[in-house]
N, C-alpha and C. Protein backbone atom coordinates (compact mmCIF):
# COMPACT_ATOMS: atom_id res chain seq x y z
N UNK A 1 115.33 80.90 79.84
CA UNK A 1 114.88 82.17 80.38
C UNK A 1 114.27 82.96 79.23
N UNK A 2 113.03 83.37 79.43
CA UNK A 2 112.34 84.17 78.43
C UNK A 2 112.31 85.62 78.88
N UNK A 3 113.03 86.47 78.17
CA UNK A 3 113.07 87.90 78.50
C UNK A 3 111.77 88.54 78.04
N UNK A 4 111.18 89.34 78.90
CA UNK A 4 109.94 90.05 78.57
C UNK A 4 110.33 91.39 77.95
N UNK A 5 109.99 91.56 76.69
CA UNK A 5 110.39 92.76 75.95
C UNK A 5 109.25 93.75 75.75
N UNK A 6 108.08 93.45 76.28
CA UNK A 6 106.91 94.31 76.06
C UNK A 6 106.69 95.34 77.15
N UNK A 7 107.56 95.40 78.15
CA UNK A 7 107.39 96.37 79.23
C UNK A 7 107.74 97.77 78.74
N UNK A 8 106.95 98.73 79.15
CA UNK A 8 107.11 100.11 78.67
C UNK A 8 107.36 101.05 79.85
N UNK A 9 107.31 102.36 79.57
CA UNK A 9 107.42 103.35 80.65
C UNK A 9 106.04 103.81 81.12
N UNK A 10 105.01 103.11 80.71
CA UNK A 10 103.66 103.42 81.19
C UNK A 10 103.57 103.00 82.65
N UNK A 11 103.07 103.85 83.55
CA UNK A 11 103.13 103.56 84.98
C UNK A 11 102.15 102.49 85.47
N UNK A 12 101.23 102.06 84.62
CA UNK A 12 100.24 101.06 85.02
C UNK A 12 99.99 100.17 83.82
N UNK A 13 100.54 98.98 83.82
CA UNK A 13 100.45 98.12 82.64
C UNK A 13 100.10 96.68 83.01
N UNK A 14 99.40 96.04 82.11
CA UNK A 14 98.99 94.65 82.30
C UNK A 14 99.54 93.83 81.14
N UNK A 15 99.99 92.63 81.48
CA UNK A 15 100.56 91.73 80.48
C UNK A 15 100.10 90.31 80.77
N UNK A 16 100.07 89.52 79.75
CA UNK A 16 99.85 88.09 79.90
C UNK A 16 101.19 87.43 79.65
N UNK A 17 101.68 86.70 80.63
CA UNK A 17 102.97 86.04 80.51
C UNK A 17 102.77 84.62 80.01
N UNK A 18 103.32 84.31 78.87
CA UNK A 18 103.26 82.96 78.34
C UNK A 18 104.29 82.10 79.05
N UNK A 19 103.84 80.95 79.54
CA UNK A 19 104.72 80.06 80.28
C UNK A 19 105.12 78.86 79.43
N UNK A 20 106.17 78.20 79.83
CA UNK A 20 106.71 77.08 79.08
C UNK A 20 105.71 75.92 78.98
N UNK A 21 104.82 75.77 79.94
CA UNK A 21 103.87 74.66 79.95
C UNK A 21 102.60 74.99 79.15
N UNK A 22 102.68 75.95 78.26
CA UNK A 22 101.56 76.40 77.42
C UNK A 22 100.41 77.00 78.21
N UNK A 23 100.68 77.44 79.42
CA UNK A 23 99.70 78.17 80.22
C UNK A 23 100.14 79.62 80.28
N UNK A 24 99.39 80.42 81.02
CA UNK A 24 99.76 81.83 81.13
C UNK A 24 99.47 82.34 82.54
N UNK A 25 100.05 83.48 82.84
CA UNK A 25 99.83 84.16 84.12
C UNK A 25 99.51 85.62 83.81
N UNK A 26 98.60 86.18 84.57
CA UNK A 26 98.28 87.60 84.44
C UNK A 26 99.27 88.39 85.28
N UNK A 27 99.83 89.43 84.69
CA UNK A 27 100.87 90.22 85.33
C UNK A 27 100.51 91.69 85.27
N UNK A 28 100.49 92.35 86.41
CA UNK A 28 100.17 93.77 86.49
C UNK A 28 101.39 94.48 87.09
N UNK A 29 101.94 95.42 86.35
CA UNK A 29 103.13 96.16 86.77
C UNK A 29 102.74 97.62 86.94
N UNK A 30 103.13 98.21 88.07
CA UNK A 30 102.78 99.62 88.28
C UNK A 30 103.93 100.35 88.97
N UNK A 31 104.00 101.63 88.67
CA UNK A 31 105.05 102.49 89.21
C UNK A 31 104.44 103.43 90.23
N UNK A 32 105.09 103.54 91.38
CA UNK A 32 104.69 104.51 92.41
C UNK A 32 105.66 105.66 92.37
N UNK A 33 105.21 106.80 91.86
CA UNK A 33 106.06 107.98 91.82
C UNK A 33 106.42 108.48 93.20
N UNK A 34 105.51 108.35 94.13
CA UNK A 34 105.75 108.80 95.50
C UNK A 34 106.89 108.00 96.13
N UNK A 35 106.89 106.69 95.89
CA UNK A 35 107.92 105.82 96.46
C UNK A 35 109.10 105.58 95.51
N UNK A 36 108.95 106.04 94.28
CA UNK A 36 109.96 105.85 93.24
C UNK A 36 110.36 104.37 93.15
N UNK A 37 109.31 103.54 93.02
CA UNK A 37 109.51 102.09 92.95
C UNK A 37 108.47 101.46 92.04
N UNK A 38 108.82 100.31 91.50
CA UNK A 38 107.91 99.49 90.72
C UNK A 38 107.37 98.38 91.62
N UNK A 39 106.10 98.01 91.40
CA UNK A 39 105.45 96.92 92.13
C UNK A 39 104.71 96.04 91.12
N UNK A 40 104.49 94.80 91.48
CA UNK A 40 103.74 93.92 90.57
C UNK A 40 102.78 93.02 91.34
N UNK A 41 101.74 92.62 90.61
CA UNK A 41 100.79 91.60 91.05
C UNK A 41 100.86 90.50 89.99
N UNK A 42 100.66 89.29 90.41
CA UNK A 42 100.64 88.19 89.45
C UNK A 42 99.56 87.21 89.86
N UNK A 43 98.86 86.68 88.88
CA UNK A 43 97.83 85.68 89.14
C UNK A 43 98.09 84.50 88.21
N UNK A 44 98.20 83.33 88.83
CA UNK A 44 98.37 82.08 88.09
C UNK A 44 97.41 81.06 88.70
N UNK A 45 96.44 80.63 87.92
CA UNK A 45 95.39 79.73 88.40
C UNK A 45 94.76 80.32 89.65
N UNK A 46 94.83 79.63 90.79
CA UNK A 46 94.19 80.15 92.00
C UNK A 46 95.17 80.84 92.94
N UNK A 47 96.38 81.11 92.46
CA UNK A 47 97.40 81.78 93.27
C UNK A 47 97.49 83.24 92.87
N UNK A 48 97.36 84.12 93.84
CA UNK A 48 97.50 85.55 93.60
C UNK A 48 98.57 86.11 94.51
N UNK A 49 99.48 86.87 93.93
CA UNK A 49 100.55 87.54 94.67
C UNK A 49 100.38 89.02 94.38
N UNK A 50 100.22 89.81 95.42
CA UNK A 50 99.90 91.22 95.24
C UNK A 50 100.94 92.13 95.88
N UNK A 51 101.18 93.24 95.21
CA UNK A 51 102.02 94.33 95.71
C UNK A 51 103.43 93.92 96.08
N UNK A 52 104.03 93.09 95.25
CA UNK A 52 105.44 92.73 95.45
C UNK A 52 106.31 93.81 94.83
N UNK A 53 107.29 94.25 95.56
CA UNK A 53 108.20 95.28 95.05
C UNK A 53 109.20 94.65 94.09
N UNK A 54 109.43 95.32 92.99
CA UNK A 54 110.43 94.86 92.03
C UNK A 54 111.81 95.19 92.58
N UNK A 55 112.59 94.16 92.83
CA UNK A 55 113.97 94.32 93.29
C UNK A 55 114.85 93.39 92.46
N UNK A 56 116.12 93.70 92.41
CA UNK A 56 117.07 92.86 91.68
C UNK A 56 117.24 91.55 92.46
N UNK A 57 116.84 90.46 91.84
CA UNK A 57 116.88 89.17 92.51
C UNK A 57 116.90 88.04 91.49
N UNK A 58 117.55 86.93 91.83
CA UNK A 58 117.57 85.79 90.91
C UNK A 58 116.19 85.17 90.69
N UNK A 59 115.32 85.21 91.71
CA UNK A 59 113.96 84.71 91.57
C UNK A 59 113.05 85.44 92.55
N UNK A 60 112.30 86.37 92.02
CA UNK A 60 111.40 87.18 92.84
C UNK A 60 110.26 86.35 93.43
N UNK A 61 109.98 85.19 92.85
CA UNK A 61 108.90 84.33 93.32
C UNK A 61 109.43 83.13 94.10
N UNK A 62 110.61 83.26 94.65
CA UNK A 62 111.26 82.13 95.32
C UNK A 62 110.39 81.52 96.42
N UNK A 63 109.72 82.32 97.21
CA UNK A 63 108.92 81.77 98.31
C UNK A 63 107.74 80.93 97.81
N UNK A 64 107.45 80.99 96.50
CA UNK A 64 106.37 80.21 95.92
C UNK A 64 106.90 79.10 95.01
N UNK A 65 108.18 78.76 95.15
CA UNK A 65 108.82 77.81 94.23
C UNK A 65 108.17 76.43 94.23
N UNK A 66 107.50 76.07 95.31
CA UNK A 66 106.83 74.77 95.36
C UNK A 66 105.37 74.84 94.91
N UNK A 67 104.90 76.05 94.58
CA UNK A 67 103.52 76.23 94.15
C UNK A 67 103.40 76.68 92.70
N UNK A 68 104.45 77.31 92.19
CA UNK A 68 104.42 77.85 90.82
C UNK A 68 105.40 77.10 89.92
N UNK A 69 105.02 76.83 88.68
CA UNK A 69 105.93 76.15 87.75
C UNK A 69 106.86 77.12 87.01
N UNK A 70 107.12 78.28 87.60
CA UNK A 70 107.96 79.29 86.98
C UNK A 70 108.49 80.24 88.05
N UNK A 71 109.42 81.06 87.66
CA UNK A 71 109.94 82.11 88.52
C UNK A 71 110.07 83.38 87.70
N UNK A 72 110.40 84.47 88.34
CA UNK A 72 110.63 85.74 87.66
C UNK A 72 111.94 86.31 88.20
N UNK A 73 112.78 86.74 87.31
CA UNK A 73 114.01 87.40 87.72
C UNK A 73 114.02 88.83 87.19
N UNK A 74 114.61 89.71 87.98
CA UNK A 74 114.85 91.09 87.58
C UNK A 74 116.35 91.33 87.72
N UNK A 75 116.98 91.81 86.66
CA UNK A 75 118.42 92.03 86.73
C UNK A 75 118.83 93.24 85.90
N UNK A 76 120.07 93.67 86.11
CA UNK A 76 120.63 94.82 85.43
C UNK A 76 122.13 94.66 85.34
N UNK A 77 122.78 95.47 84.51
CA UNK A 77 124.24 95.47 84.43
C UNK A 77 124.85 96.18 85.64
N UNK A 78 124.07 97.03 86.27
CA UNK A 78 124.56 97.79 87.43
C UNK A 78 124.05 97.19 88.73
N UNK A 79 124.12 97.96 89.77
CA UNK A 79 123.71 97.48 91.09
C UNK A 79 122.63 98.35 91.71
N UNK A 80 121.97 99.18 90.92
CA UNK A 80 120.97 100.10 91.45
C UNK A 80 119.58 99.53 91.20
N UNK A 81 118.80 99.43 92.28
CA UNK A 81 117.44 98.92 92.20
C UNK A 81 116.59 99.78 91.26
N UNK A 82 115.51 99.23 90.70
CA UNK A 82 114.63 100.02 89.84
C UNK A 82 114.02 101.20 90.61
N UNK A 83 114.10 102.38 90.02
CA UNK A 83 113.54 103.56 90.68
C UNK A 83 113.01 104.59 89.71
N UNK A 84 113.22 104.39 88.42
CA UNK A 84 112.78 105.37 87.42
C UNK A 84 111.66 104.79 86.56
N UNK A 85 110.82 105.67 86.07
CA UNK A 85 109.70 105.27 85.23
C UNK A 85 110.17 104.55 83.97
N UNK A 86 111.31 104.94 83.44
CA UNK A 86 111.78 104.32 82.19
C UNK A 86 112.78 103.18 82.40
N UNK A 87 112.87 102.64 83.59
CA UNK A 87 113.84 101.57 83.86
C UNK A 87 113.65 100.36 82.94
N UNK A 88 112.42 99.97 82.65
CA UNK A 88 112.18 98.82 81.77
C UNK A 88 112.27 99.21 80.30
N UNK A 89 111.69 100.34 79.93
CA UNK A 89 111.68 100.73 78.52
C UNK A 89 113.08 101.09 78.03
N UNK A 90 113.93 101.58 78.92
CA UNK A 90 115.30 101.92 78.52
C UNK A 90 116.20 100.68 78.46
N UNK A 91 115.73 99.58 79.04
CA UNK A 91 116.53 98.36 79.08
C UNK A 91 117.47 98.29 80.27
N UNK A 92 117.42 99.28 81.15
CA UNK A 92 118.29 99.25 82.33
C UNK A 92 117.93 98.08 83.24
N UNK A 93 116.64 97.80 83.38
CA UNK A 93 116.17 96.66 84.16
C UNK A 93 115.55 95.66 83.20
N UNK A 94 115.94 94.40 83.34
CA UNK A 94 115.43 93.33 82.51
C UNK A 94 114.58 92.41 83.38
N UNK A 95 113.45 92.00 82.84
CA UNK A 95 112.60 91.01 83.51
C UNK A 95 112.57 89.77 82.64
N UNK A 96 112.68 88.61 83.27
CA UNK A 96 112.62 87.36 82.52
C UNK A 96 111.85 86.31 83.32
N UNK A 97 111.22 85.41 82.60
CA UNK A 97 110.51 84.30 83.21
C UNK A 97 111.46 83.11 83.26
N UNK A 98 111.54 82.47 84.41
CA UNK A 98 112.37 81.28 84.58
C UNK A 98 111.49 80.04 84.45
N UNK A 99 111.98 79.06 83.71
CA UNK A 99 111.26 77.79 83.63
C UNK A 99 111.60 76.94 84.86
N UNK A 100 110.94 75.79 85.06
CA UNK A 100 111.20 74.99 86.27
C UNK A 100 112.66 74.57 86.44
N UNK A 101 113.33 74.25 85.37
CA UNK A 101 114.74 73.87 85.46
C UNK A 101 115.60 75.04 85.91
N UNK A 102 115.28 76.24 85.44
CA UNK A 102 116.03 77.43 85.83
C UNK A 102 115.76 77.81 87.29
N UNK A 103 114.53 77.60 87.75
CA UNK A 103 114.22 77.84 89.16
C UNK A 103 115.06 76.90 90.02
N UNK A 104 115.14 75.65 89.62
CA UNK A 104 115.94 74.67 90.35
C UNK A 104 117.42 75.05 90.32
N UNK A 105 117.89 75.50 89.18
CA UNK A 105 119.29 75.92 89.05
C UNK A 105 119.60 77.09 89.97
N UNK A 106 118.71 78.07 90.07
CA UNK A 106 118.89 79.21 90.97
C UNK A 106 118.99 78.71 92.41
N UNK A 107 118.11 77.78 92.78
CA UNK A 107 118.13 77.24 94.14
C UNK A 107 119.47 76.56 94.44
N UNK A 108 119.97 75.81 93.49
CA UNK A 108 121.22 75.08 93.71
C UNK A 108 122.43 76.01 93.71
N UNK A 109 122.50 76.89 92.72
CA UNK A 109 123.69 77.72 92.55
C UNK A 109 123.73 78.96 93.43
N UNK A 110 122.60 79.55 93.71
CA UNK A 110 122.57 80.80 94.48
C UNK A 110 122.32 80.51 95.96
N UNK A 111 121.37 79.61 96.24
CA UNK A 111 120.96 79.38 97.62
C UNK A 111 121.50 78.05 98.19
N UNK A 112 122.29 77.34 97.41
CA UNK A 112 122.89 76.06 97.84
C UNK A 112 121.84 75.09 98.40
N UNK A 113 120.73 74.97 97.73
CA UNK A 113 119.65 74.07 98.19
C UNK A 113 119.39 72.98 97.19
């Protein structure tokens, strides 16, 4: 699991996520003050996922597990979903990239698949 440490409290940010297979994915993270929520878009090769809400989950990209060679997890020490602009910069919410083995492990251990 590769923890992403470059996320800030800027409400509109773009990152390039380095993947284990020496490829990358474009990642756009944005905060909606009106909804008090974070959302993301991700593009990997010809796959685009838009306006996904950031929620605490073992694999936010689970529905694409057969199309993507990675997953994304969002987690915290508490049980409160991301709702503040500084959730990532303060370290309250952690984002990490899951490699294929970790995606499989989540499927087996969390979803019994």
